[in-house]
Amino acid sequence: MYCPKCGKEIDDNDNFCPFCGGDVSKKEVETAKIEKKNTSEGNALKLVAKIFMLIKTILVGVFFLIPLA
């Protein structure tokens, strides 16, 4: 098993990481996995929002910079 706090490999029977002292009990490990998943989803949403804003800015710029015929 790996410590969710520092990422080092530890014994499966440990309750605390011998390297960083982080709590690695079953409940804490599950909570860390959920928090990591939520962070990943949040990062993906932020990326999509940034791409959308970039496309929107480009389109608005194109409409204002192209002379109307």
Protein backbone atom coordinates (compact mmCIF):
# COMPACT_ATOMS: atom_id res chain seq x y z
CA MET A 1 0.00 0.00 0.00
CA TYR A 2 1.11 3.59 -0.52
CA CYS A 3 0.73 6.56 1.82
CA PRO A 4 -1.92 8.96 0.45
CA LYS A 5 -0.04 11.91 1.96
CA CYS A 6 3.57 11.37 0.79
CA GLY A 7 3.16 8.54 -1.74
CA LYS A 8 5.82 6.26 -0.27
CA GLU A 9 5.28 2.50 -0.11
CA ILE A 10 4.37 1.29 3.38
CA ASP A 11 3.33 -1.96 5.05
CA ASP A 12 -0.36 -2.86 4.73
CA ASN A 13 -0.68 -3.23 8.51
CA ASP A 14 0.59 0.27 9.36
CA ASN A 15 -1.84 2.80 10.80
CA PHE A 16 0.59 5.69 10.36
CA CYS A 17 3.18 6.33 7.66
CA PRO A 18 6.70 5.81 9.05
CA PHE A 19 8.02 8.49 6.66
CA CYS A 20 5.62 11.41 7.09
CA GLY A 21 3.45 10.34 10.04
CA GLY A 22 0.25 10.57 7.98
CA ASP A 23 -2.79 8.57 9.07
CA VAL A 24 -3.13 5.57 6.74
CA SER A 25 -5.99 3.81 8.45
CA LYS A 26 -8.61 2.39 6.06
CA LYS A 27 -11.00 5.32 6.64
CA GLU A 28 -8.33 7.95 5.98
CA VAL A 29 -7.10 6.22 2.83
CA GLU A 30 -10.64 6.05 1.41
CA THR A 31 -11.19 9.73 2.23
CA ALA A 32 -7.94 10.64 0.46
CA LYS A 33 -9.01 8.70 -2.64
CA ILE A 34 -12.36 10.53 -2.74
CA GLU A 35 -10.66 13.92 -2.30
CA LYS A 36 -8.19 13.11 -5.09
CA LYS A 37 -11.05 12.11 -7.41
CA ASN A 38 -12.94 15.34 -6.65
CA THR A 39 -9.81 17.39 -7.33
CA SER A 40 -9.29 15.64 -10.68
CA GLU A 41 -12.87 16.34 -11.72
CA GLY A 42 -12.52 19.97 -10.66
CA ASN A 43 -9.34 20.36 -12.69
CA ALA A 44 -11.05 18.91 -15.75
CA LEU A 45 -13.94 21.38 -15.40
CA LYS A 46 -11.52 24.29 -15.05
CA LEU A 47 -9.72 23.19 -18.22
CA VAL A 48 -12.99 22.98 -20.17
CA ALA A 49 -13.99 26.44 -18.91
CA LYS A 50 -10.64 27.91 -19.97
CA ILE A 51 -10.91 26.38 -23.45
CA PHE A 52 -14.47 27.70 -23.80
CA MET A 53 -13.39 31.22 -22.79
CA LEU A 54 -10.46 31.10 -25.26
CA ILE A 55 -12.75 30.09 -28.13
CA LYS A 56 -15.28 32.75 -27.14
CA THR A 57 -12.58 35.44 -27.02
CA ILE A 58 -11.25 34.43 -30.44
CA LEU A 59 -14.72 34.47 -32.00
CA VAL A 60 -15.58 37.88 -30.55
CA GLY A 61 -12.22 39.24 -31.72
CA VAL A 62 -12.76 37.92 -35.24
CA PHE A 63 -16.19 39.56 -35.50
CA PHE A 64 -14.85 42.94 -34.38
CA LEU A 65 -11.66 42.88 -36.45
CA ILE A 66 -13.15 41.79 -39.78
CA PRO A 67 -14.42 44.86 -41.64
CA LEU A 68 -18.08 44.68 -42.47
CA ALA A 69 -18.69 44.68 -46.22
